[in-house]
Amino acid sequence: MAGITDRNYSILCGRLASLLGVSQAAARRKVDIRAAQQGQRDIAARLAVAEAMLSELQACETDHQGMLSAQLGTVGNDEYFMVED
C-alpha cells in the first residue's frame, strides 16, 4: 500500500511519534491500525483518528518516553537478557 503524502497527516503522525518516543513510521502504523479497526479507510478519517489519538495522549499525564526508557533500561540490566544467540 502506498504511503499517504498528506502534509497534515505527516505532521500529526510526527507529533504522535514525539509524544510516544517512537519513529514516525511506527506512529503511522498505530494510526493505520486504529483506523482499520474502526473501519475507516479514507484520509479524512485517518486525520480524525490521528487527531483523536494526539488529544488522548496530551490529556493523559503519563510520560510515555520515560516509561519506554525505563523499560529498555530494565531489559538491559536483566541478568537473563540475551544479547546474542
PDB file of N, CA and C in Angstrom:
ATOM      1  N   MET A   1       0.847  -1.169   0.000  1.00  0.00           N
ATOM      2  CA  MET A   1       0.000   0.000   0.000  1.00  0.00           C
ATOM      3  C   MET A   1       0.894   1.234   0.000  1.00  0.00           C
ATOM      4  N   ALA A   2       0.574   2.158  -0.848  1.00  0.00           N
ATOM      5  CA  ALA A   2       1.359   3.387  -0.946  1.00  0.00           C
ATOM      6  C   ALA A   2       1.119   4.263   0.271  1.00  0.00           C
ATOM      7  N   GLY A   3       2.141   4.977   0.682  1.00  0.00           N
ATOM      8  CA  GLY A   3       2.029   5.850   1.841  1.00  0.00           C
ATOM      9  C   GLY A   3       1.191   7.078   1.541  1.00  0.00           C
ATOM     10  N   ILE A   4       0.594   7.612   2.558  1.00  0.00           N
ATOM     11  CA  ILE A   4      -0.213   8.814   2.419  1.00  0.00           C
ATOM     12  C   ILE A   4       0.736  10.007   2.431  1.00  0.00           C
ATOM     13  N   THR A   5       0.584  10.889   1.456  1.00  0.00           N
ATOM     14  CA  THR A   5       1.506  12.008   1.331  1.00  0.00           C
ATOM     15  C   THR A   5       0.895  13.322   1.803  1.00  0.00           C
ATOM     16  N   ASP A   6      -0.198  13.271   2.530  1.00  0.00           N
ATOM     17  CA  ASP A   6      -0.832  14.486   3.024  1.00  0.00           C
ATOM     18  C   ASP A   6       0.049  15.131   4.095  1.00  0.00           C
ATOM     19  N   ARG A   7       0.293  16.407   3.944  1.00  0.00           N
ATOM     20  CA  ARG A   7       1.181  17.142   4.860  1.00  0.00           C
ATOM     21  C   ARG A   7       0.637  17.162   6.283  1.00  0.00           C
ATOM     22  N   ASN A   8      -0.648  17.417   6.441  1.00  0.00           N
ATOM     23  CA  ASN A   8      -1.246  17.469   7.776  1.00  0.00           C
ATOM     24  C   ASN A   8      -1.170  16.113   8.480  1.00  0.00           C
ATOM     25  N   TYR A   9      -1.359  15.037   7.701  1.00  0.00           N
ATOM     26  CA  TYR A   9      -1.264  13.698   8.260  1.00  0.00           C
ATOM     27  C   TYR A   9       0.163  13.424   8.750  1.00  0.00           C
ATOM     28  N   SER A  10       1.140  13.846   7.965  1.00  0.00           N
ATOM     29  CA  SER A  10       2.538  13.660   8.361  1.00  0.00           C
ATOM     30  C   SER A  10       2.869  14.456   9.614  1.00  0.00           C
ATOM     31  N   ILE A  11       2.339  15.661   9.714  1.00  0.00           N
ATOM     32  CA  ILE A  11       2.587  16.493  10.895  1.00  0.00           C
ATOM     33  C   ILE A  11       1.979  15.861  12.137  1.00  0.00           C
ATOM     34  N   LEU A  12       0.730  15.388  12.023  1.00  0.00           N
ATOM     35  CA  LEU A  12       0.083  14.754  13.174  1.00  0.00           C
ATOM     36  C   LEU A  12       0.815  13.485  13.605  1.00  0.00           C
ATOM     37  N   CYS A  13       1.241  12.689  12.623  1.00  0.00           N
ATOM     38  CA  CYS A  13       1.980  11.466  12.961  1.00  0.00           C
ATOM     39  C   CYS A  13       3.331  11.802  13.577  1.00  0.00           C
ATOM     40  N   GLY A  14       3.952  12.882  13.137  1.00  0.00           N
ATOM     41  CA  GLY A  14       5.207  13.321  13.740  1.00  0.00           C
ATOM     42  C   GLY A  14       5.025  13.740  15.185  1.00  0.00           C
ATOM     43  N   ARG A  15       3.936  14.424  15.479  1.00  0.00           N
ATOM     44  CA  ARG A  15       3.653  14.824  16.863  1.00  0.00           C
ATOM     45  C   ARG A  15       3.375  13.603  17.733  1.00  0.00           C
ATOM     46  N   LEU A  16       2.613  12.656  17.179  1.00  0.00           N
ATOM     47  CA  LEU A  16       2.377  11.411  17.916  1.00  0.00           C
ATOM     48  C   LEU A  16       3.690  10.686  18.197  1.00  0.00           C
ATOM     49  N   ALA A  17       4.546  10.639  17.196  1.00  0.00           N
ATOM     50  CA  ALA A  17       5.829   9.957  17.345  1.00  0.00           C
ATOM     51  C   ALA A  17       6.667  10.595  18.439  1.00  0.00           C
ATOM     52  N   SER A  18       6.681  11.918  18.493  1.00  0.00           N
ATOM     53  CA  SER A  18       7.494  12.576  19.517  1.00  0.00           C
ATOM     54  C   SER A  18       6.910  12.374  20.914  1.00  0.00           C
ATOM     55  N   LEU A  19       5.588  12.343  21.031  1.00  0.00           N
ATOM     56  CA  LEU A  19       4.983  12.096  22.344  1.00  0.00           C
ATOM     57  C   LEU A  19       5.201  10.664  22.818  1.00  0.00           C
ATOM     58  N   LEU A  20       5.158   9.723  21.879  1.00  0.00           N
ATOM     59  CA  LEU A  20       5.331   8.317  22.230  1.00  0.00           C
ATOM     60  C   LEU A  20       6.790   7.890  22.298  1.00  0.00           C
ATOM     61  N   GLY A  21       7.673   8.678  21.685  1.00  0.00           N
ATOM     62  CA  GLY A  21       9.084   8.311  21.673  1.00  0.00           C
ATOM     63  C   GLY A  21       9.372   7.197  20.690  1.00  0.00           C
ATOM     64  N   VAL A  22       8.622   7.162  19.590  1.00  0.00           N
ATOM     65  CA  VAL A  22       8.825   6.149  18.557  1.00  0.00           C
ATOM     66  C   VAL A  22       9.086   6.851  17.230  1.00  0.00           C
ATOM     67  N   SER A  23       9.362   6.082  16.191  1.00  0.00           N
ATOM     68  CA  SER A  23       9.587   6.664  14.874  1.00  0.00           C
ATOM     69  C   SER A  23       8.269   7.118  14.261  1.00  0.00           C
ATOM     70  N   GLN A  24       8.383   7.948  13.241  1.00  0.00           N
ATOM     71  CA  GLN A  24       7.173   8.418  12.575  1.00  0.00           C
ATOM     72  C   GLN A  24       6.470   7.264  11.863  1.00  0.00           C
ATOM     73  N   ALA A  25       7.225   6.336  11.348  1.00  0.00           N
ATOM     74  CA  ALA A  25       6.626   5.175  10.682  1.00  0.00           C
ATOM     75  C   ALA A  25       5.826   4.337  11.681  1.00  0.00           C
ATOM     76  N   ALA A  26       6.340   4.183  12.893  1.00  0.00           N
ATOM     77  CA  ALA A  26       5.615   3.434  13.918  1.00  0.00           C
ATOM     78  C   ALA A  26       4.338   4.159  14.317  1.00  0.00           C
ATOM     79  N   ALA A  27       4.397   5.478  14.408  1.00  0.00           N
ATOM     80  CA  ALA A  27       3.209   6.257  14.740  1.00  0.00           C
ATOM     81  C   ALA A  27       2.172   6.143  13.631  1.00  0.00           C
ATOM     82  N   ARG A  28       2.619   6.170  12.381  1.00  0.00           N
ATOM     83  CA  ARG A  28       1.695   5.996  11.257  1.00  0.00           C
ATOM     84  C   ARG A  28       1.019   4.631  11.313  1.00  0.00           C
ATOM     85  N   ARG A  29       1.795   3.595  11.640  1.00  0.00           N
ATOM     86  CA  ARG A  29       1.212   2.258  11.740  1.00  0.00           C
ATOM     87  C   ARG A  29       0.155   2.206  12.835  1.00  0.00           C
ATOM     88  N   LYS A  30       0.427   2.870  13.966  1.00  0.00           N
ATOM     89  CA  LYS A  30      -0.557   2.894  15.049  1.00  0.00           C
ATOM     90  C   LYS A  30      -1.852   3.557  14.597  1.00  0.00           C
ATOM     91  N   VAL A  31      -1.732   4.660  13.872  1.00  0.00           N
ATOM     92  CA  VAL A  31      -2.922   5.350  13.360  1.00  0.00           C
ATOM     93  C   VAL A  31      -3.631   4.471  12.336  1.00  0.00           C
ATOM     94  N   ASP A  32      -2.873   3.847  11.440  1.00  0.00           N
ATOM     95  CA  ASP A  32      -3.470   2.987  10.420  1.00  0.00           C
ATOM     96  C   ASP A  32      -4.208   1.813  11.046  1.00  0.00           C
ATOM     97  N   ILE A  33      -3.617   1.233  12.065  1.00  0.00           N
ATOM     98  CA  ILE A  33      -4.252   0.091  12.727  1.00  0.00           C
ATOM     99  C   ILE A  33      -5.541   0.514  13.413  1.00  0.00           C
ATOM    100  N   ARG A  34      -5.501   1.631  14.124  1.00  0.00           N
ATOM    101  CA  ARG A  34      -6.714   2.090  14.813  1.00  0.00           C
ATOM    102  C   ARG A  34      -7.803   2.464  13.802  1.00  0.00           C
ATOM    103  N   ALA A  35      -7.417   3.100  12.701  1.00  0.00           N
ATOM    104  CA  ALA A  35      -8.400   3.455  11.673  1.00  0.00           C
ATOM    105  C   ALA A  35      -8.995   2.201  11.042  1.00  0.00           C
ATOM    106  N   ALA A  36      -8.169   1.193  10.791  1.00  0.00           N
ATOM    107  CA  ALA A  36      -8.661  -0.060  10.217  1.00  0.00           C
ATOM    108  C   ALA A  36      -9.600  -0.769  11.179  1.00  0.00           C
ATOM    109  N   GLN A  37      -9.305  -0.726  12.480  1.00  0.00           N
ATOM    110  CA  GLN A  37     -10.184  -1.336  13.472  1.00  0.00           C
ATOM    111  C   GLN A  37     -11.555  -0.663  13.490  1.00  0.00           C
ATOM    112  N   GLN A  38     -11.568   0.635  13.197  1.00  0.00           N
ATOM    113  CA  GLN A  38     -12.818   1.381  13.170  1.00  0.00           C
ATOM    114  C   GLN A  38     -13.491   1.318  11.800  1.00  0.00           C
ATOM    115  N   GLY A  39     -12.849   0.654  10.840  1.00  0.00           N
ATOM    116  CA  GLY A  39     -13.413   0.511   9.502  1.00  0.00           C
ATOM    117  C   GLY A  39     -13.303   1.763   8.660  1.00  0.00           C
ATOM    118  N   GLN A  40     -12.352   2.619   8.961  1.00  0.00           N
ATOM    119  CA  GLN A  40     -12.184   3.876   8.237  1.00  0.00           C
ATOM    120  C   GLN A  40     -10.954   3.773   7.350  1.00  0.00           C
ATOM    121  N   ARG A  41     -11.129   4.089   6.078  1.00  0.00           N
ATOM    122  CA  ARG A  41     -10.047   3.915   5.118  1.00  0.00           C
ATOM    123  C   ARG A  41      -9.582   5.212   4.462  1.00  0.00           C
ATOM    124  N   ASP A  42     -10.412   6.238   4.405  1.00  0.00           N
ATOM    125  CA  ASP A  42     -10.040   7.449   3.668  1.00  0.00           C
ATOM    126  C   ASP A  42      -9.151   8.364   4.508  1.00  0.00           C
ATOM    127  N   ILE A  43      -8.525   9.320   3.849  1.00  0.00           N
ATOM    128  CA  ILE A  43      -7.548  10.194   4.504  1.00  0.00           C
ATOM    129  C   ILE A  43      -8.199  11.086   5.550  1.00  0.00           C
ATOM    130  N   ALA A  44      -9.415  11.548   5.284  1.00  0.00           N
ATOM    131  CA  ALA A  44     -10.095  12.419   6.253  1.00  0.00           C
ATOM    132  C   ALA A  44     -10.356  11.669   7.553  1.00  0.00           C
ATOM    133  N   ALA A  45     -10.747  10.422   7.443  1.00  0.00           N
ATOM    134  CA  ALA A  45     -10.996   9.616   8.640  1.00  0.00           C
ATOM    135  C   ALA A  45      -9.695   9.341   9.388  1.00  0.00           C
ATOM    136  N   ARG A  46      -8.617   9.099   8.656  1.00  0.00           N
ATOM    137  CA  ARG A  46      -7.334   8.852   9.308  1.00  0.00           C
ATOM    138  C   ARG A  46      -6.812  10.109  10.000  1.00  0.00           C
ATOM    139  N   LEU A  47      -7.065  11.262   9.398  1.00  0.00           N
ATOM    140  CA  LEU A  47      -6.707  12.525  10.051  1.00  0.00           C
ATOM    141  C   LEU A  47      -7.470  12.672  11.361  1.00  0.00           C
ATOM    142  N   ALA A  48      -8.752  12.337  11.338  1.00  0.00           N
ATOM    143  CA  ALA A  48      -9.569  12.429  12.558  1.00  0.00           C
ATOM    144  C   ALA A  48      -9.068  11.461  13.621  1.00  0.00           C
ATOM    145  N   VAL A  49      -8.691  10.258  13.210  1.00  0.00           N
ATOM    146  CA  VAL A  49      -8.156   9.268  14.155  1.00  0.00           C
ATOM    147  C   VAL A  49      -6.841   9.760  14.747  1.00  0.00           C
ATOM    148  N   ALA A  50      -5.975  10.307  13.911  1.00  0.00           N
ATOM    149  CA  ALA A  50      -4.685  10.811  14.390  1.00  0.00           C
ATOM    150  C   ALA A  50      -4.887  11.973  15.363  1.00  0.00           C
ATOM    151  N   GLU A  51      -5.827  12.867  15.061  1.00  0.00           N
ATOM    152  CA  GLU A  51      -6.109  13.985  15.962  1.00  0.00           C
ATOM    153  C   GLU A  51      -6.668  13.484  17.294  1.00  0.00           C
ATOM    154  N   ALA A  52      -7.538  12.472  17.237  1.00  0.00           N
ATOM    155  CA  ALA A  52      -8.097  11.907  18.468  1.00  0.00           C
ATOM    156  C   ALA A  52      -7.010  11.256  19.315  1.00  0.00           C
ATOM    157  N   MET A  53      -6.115  10.520  18.671  1.00  0.00           N
ATOM    158  CA  MET A  53      -5.022   9.881  19.402  1.00  0.00           C
ATOM    159  C   MET A  53      -4.101  10.923  20.020  1.00  0.00           C
ATOM    160  N   LEU A  54      -3.840  11.994  19.290  1.00  0.00           N
ATOM    161  CA  LEU A  54      -2.988  13.060  19.790  1.00  0.00           C
ATOM    162  C   LEU A  54      -3.623  13.744  20.995  1.00  0.00           C
ATOM    163  N   SER A  55      -4.909  14.013  20.918  1.00  0.00           N
ATOM    164  CA  SER A  55      -5.579  14.658  22.052  1.00  0.00           C
ATOM    165  C   SER A  55      -5.649  13.733  23.264  1.00  0.00           C
ATOM    166  N   GLU A  56      -5.800  12.417  23.033  1.00  0.00           N
ATOM    167  CA  GLU A  56      -5.780  11.444  24.132  1.00  0.00           C
ATOM    168  C   GLU A  56      -4.433  11.467  24.847  1.00  0.00           C
ATOM    169  N   LEU A  57      -3.364  11.487  24.067  1.00  0.00           N
ATOM    170  CA  LEU A  57      -2.028  11.486  24.660  1.00  0.00           C
ATOM    171  C   LEU A  57      -1.726  12.782  25.398  1.00  0.00           C
ATOM    172  N   GLN A  58      -2.182  13.899  24.856  1.00  0.00           N
ATOM    173  CA  GLN A  58      -1.938  15.171  25.509  1.00  0.00           C
ATOM    174  C   GLN A  58      -2.753  15.310  26.784  1.00  0.00           C
ATOM    175  N   ALA A  59      -3.941  14.706  26.817  1.00  0.00           N
ATOM    176  CA  ALA A  59      -4.777  14.763  28.021  1.00  0.00           C
ATOM    177  C   ALA A  59      -4.231  13.841  29.111  1.00  0.00           C
ATOM    178  N   CYS A  60      -3.584  12.772  28.698  1.00  0.00           N
ATOM    179  CA  CYS A  60      -3.014  11.812  29.637  1.00  0.00           C
ATOM    180  C   CYS A  60      -1.708  12.381  30.177  1.00  0.00           C
ATOM    181  N   GLU A  61      -1.501  12.259  31.454  1.00  0.00           N
ATOM    182  CA  GLU A  61      -0.298  12.822  32.065  1.00  0.00           C
ATOM    183  C   GLU A  61       0.841  11.809  32.171  1.00  0.00           C
ATOM    184  N   THR A  62       0.688  10.674  31.522  1.00  0.00           N
ATOM    185  CA  THR A  62       1.710   9.648  31.559  1.00  0.00           C
ATOM    186  C   THR A  62       2.890  10.054  30.688  1.00  0.00           C
ATOM    187  N   ASP A  63       4.090   9.857  31.195  1.00  0.00           N
ATOM    188  CA  ASP A  63       5.304  10.146  30.445  1.00  0.00           C
ATOM    189  C   ASP A  63       5.686   8.893  29.656  1.00  0.00           C
ATOM    190  N   HIS A  64       5.213   8.824  28.410  1.00  0.00           N
ATOM    191  CA  HIS A  64       5.433   7.631  27.600  1.00  0.00           C
ATOM    192  C   HIS A  64       6.904   7.440  27.255  1.00  0.00           C
ATOM    193  N   GLN A  65       7.613   8.529  26.978  1.00  0.00           N
ATOM    194  CA  GLN A  65       9.037   8.412  26.665  1.00  0.00           C
ATOM    195  C   GLN A  65       9.809   7.905  27.878  1.00  0.00           C
ATOM    196  N   GLY A  66       9.470   8.391  29.059  1.00  0.00           N
ATOM    197  CA  GLY A  66      10.135   7.943  30.276  1.00  0.00           C
ATOM    198  C   GLY A  66       9.865   6.478  30.563  1.00  0.00           C
ATOM    199  N   MET A  67       8.620   6.054  30.310  1.00  0.00           N
ATOM    200  CA  MET A  67       8.277   4.647  30.522  1.00  0.00           C
ATOM    201  C   MET A  67       9.063   3.746  29.580  1.00  0.00           C
ATOM    202  N   LEU A  68       9.159   4.137  28.311  1.00  0.00           N
ATOM    203  CA  LEU A  68       9.904   3.344  27.341  1.00  0.00           C
ATOM    204  C   LEU A  68      11.384   3.280  27.718  1.00  0.00           C
ATOM    205  N   SER A  69      11.955   4.405  28.119  1.00  0.00           N
ATOM    206  CA  SER A  69      13.363   4.430  28.518  1.00  0.00           C
ATOM    207  C   SER A  69      13.599   3.547  29.740  1.00  0.00           C
ATOM    208  N   ALA A  70      12.679   3.605  30.705  1.00  0.00           N
ATOM    209  CA  ALA A  70      12.811   2.776  31.905  1.00  0.00           C
ATOM    210  C   ALA A  70      12.719   1.290  31.559  1.00  0.00           C
ATOM    211  N   GLN A  71      11.802   0.935  30.655  1.00  0.00           N
ATOM    212  CA  GLN A  71      11.665  -0.462  30.252  1.00  0.00           C
ATOM    213  C   GLN A  71      12.907  -0.944  29.521  1.00  0.00           C
ATOM    214  N   LEU A  72      13.438  -0.111  28.639  1.00  0.00           N
ATOM    215  CA  LEU A  72      14.641  -0.509  27.912  1.00  0.00           C
ATOM    216  C   LEU A  72      15.841  -0.615  28.851  1.00  0.00           C
ATOM    217  N   GLY A  73      15.922   0.273  29.830  1.00  0.00           N
ATOM    218  CA  GLY A  73      16.997   0.198  30.813  1.00  0.00           C
ATOM    219  C   GLY A  73      16.897  -1.045  31.663  1.00  0.00           C
ATOM    220  N   THR A  74      15.693  -1.431  32.017  1.00  0.00           N
ATOM    221  CA  THR A  74      15.474  -2.633  32.818  1.00  0.00           C
ATOM    222  C   THR A  74      15.862  -3.874  32.039  1.00  0.00           C
ATOM    223  N   VAL A  75      15.493  -3.914  30.778  1.00  0.00           N
ATOM    224  CA  VAL A  75      15.817  -5.075  29.946  1.00  0.00           C
ATOM    225  C   VAL A  75      17.332  -5.216  29.808  1.00  0.00           C
ATOM    226  N   GLY A  76      18.039  -4.120  29.650  1.00  0.00           N
ATOM    227  CA  GLY A  76      19.487  -4.182  29.507  1.00  0.00           C
ATOM    228  C   GLY A  76      20.191  -4.627  30.768  1.00  0.00           C
ATOM    229  N   ASN A  77      19.594  -4.403  31.928  1.00  0.00           N
ATOM    230  CA  ASN A  77      20.207  -4.767  33.200  1.00  0.00           C
ATOM    231  C   ASN A  77      19.764  -6.131  33.720  1.00  0.00           C
ATOM    232  N   ASP A  78      18.840  -6.764  33.044  1.00  0.00           N
ATOM    233  CA  ASP A  78      18.335  -8.068  33.466  1.00  0.00           C
ATOM    234  C   ASP A  78      19.396  -9.129  33.212  1.00  0.00           C
ATOM    235  N   GLU A  79      19.698  -9.939  34.224  1.00  0.00           N
ATOM    236  CA  GLU A  79      20.753 -10.940  34.069  1.00  0.00           C
ATOM    237  C   GLU A  79      20.361 -12.046  33.092  1.00  0.00           C
ATOM    238  N   TYR A  80      19.081 -12.200  32.828  1.00  0.00           N
ATOM    239  CA  TYR A  80      18.625 -13.247  31.898  1.00  0.00           C
ATOM    240  C   TYR A  80      18.389 -12.718  30.488  1.00  0.00           C
ATOM    241  N   PHE A  81      18.684 -11.456  30.249  1.00  0.00           N
ATOM    242  CA  PHE A  81      18.509 -10.861  28.928  1.00  0.00           C
ATOM    243  C   PHE A  81      19.609 -11.345  28.003  1.00  0.00           C
ATOM    244  N   MET A  82      19.212 -11.907  26.864  1.00  0.00           N
ATOM    245  CA  MET A  82      20.183 -12.430  25.904  1.00  0.00           C
ATOM    246  C   MET A  82      20.474 -11.382  24.846  1.00  0.00           C
ATOM    247  N   VAL A  83      21.715 -10.987  24.715  1.00  0.00           N
ATOM    248  CA  VAL A  83      22.114 -10.049  23.691  1.00  0.00           C
ATOM    249  C   VAL A  83      22.325 -10.792  22.365  1.00  0.00           C
ATOM    250  N   GLU A  84      22.878 -11.994  22.438  1.00  0.00           N
ATOM    251  CA  GLU A  84      23.151 -12.787  21.248  1.00  0.00           C
ATOM    252  C   GLU A  84      22.679 -14.207  21.483  1.00  0.00           C
ATOM    253  N   ASP A  85      22.409 -14.910  20.383  1.00  0.00           N
ATOM    254  CA  ASP A  85      22.044 -16.327  20.482  1.00  0.00           C
ATOM    255  C   ASP A  85      23.263 -17.181  20.615  1.00  0.00           C
TER     256      ASP A  85
END
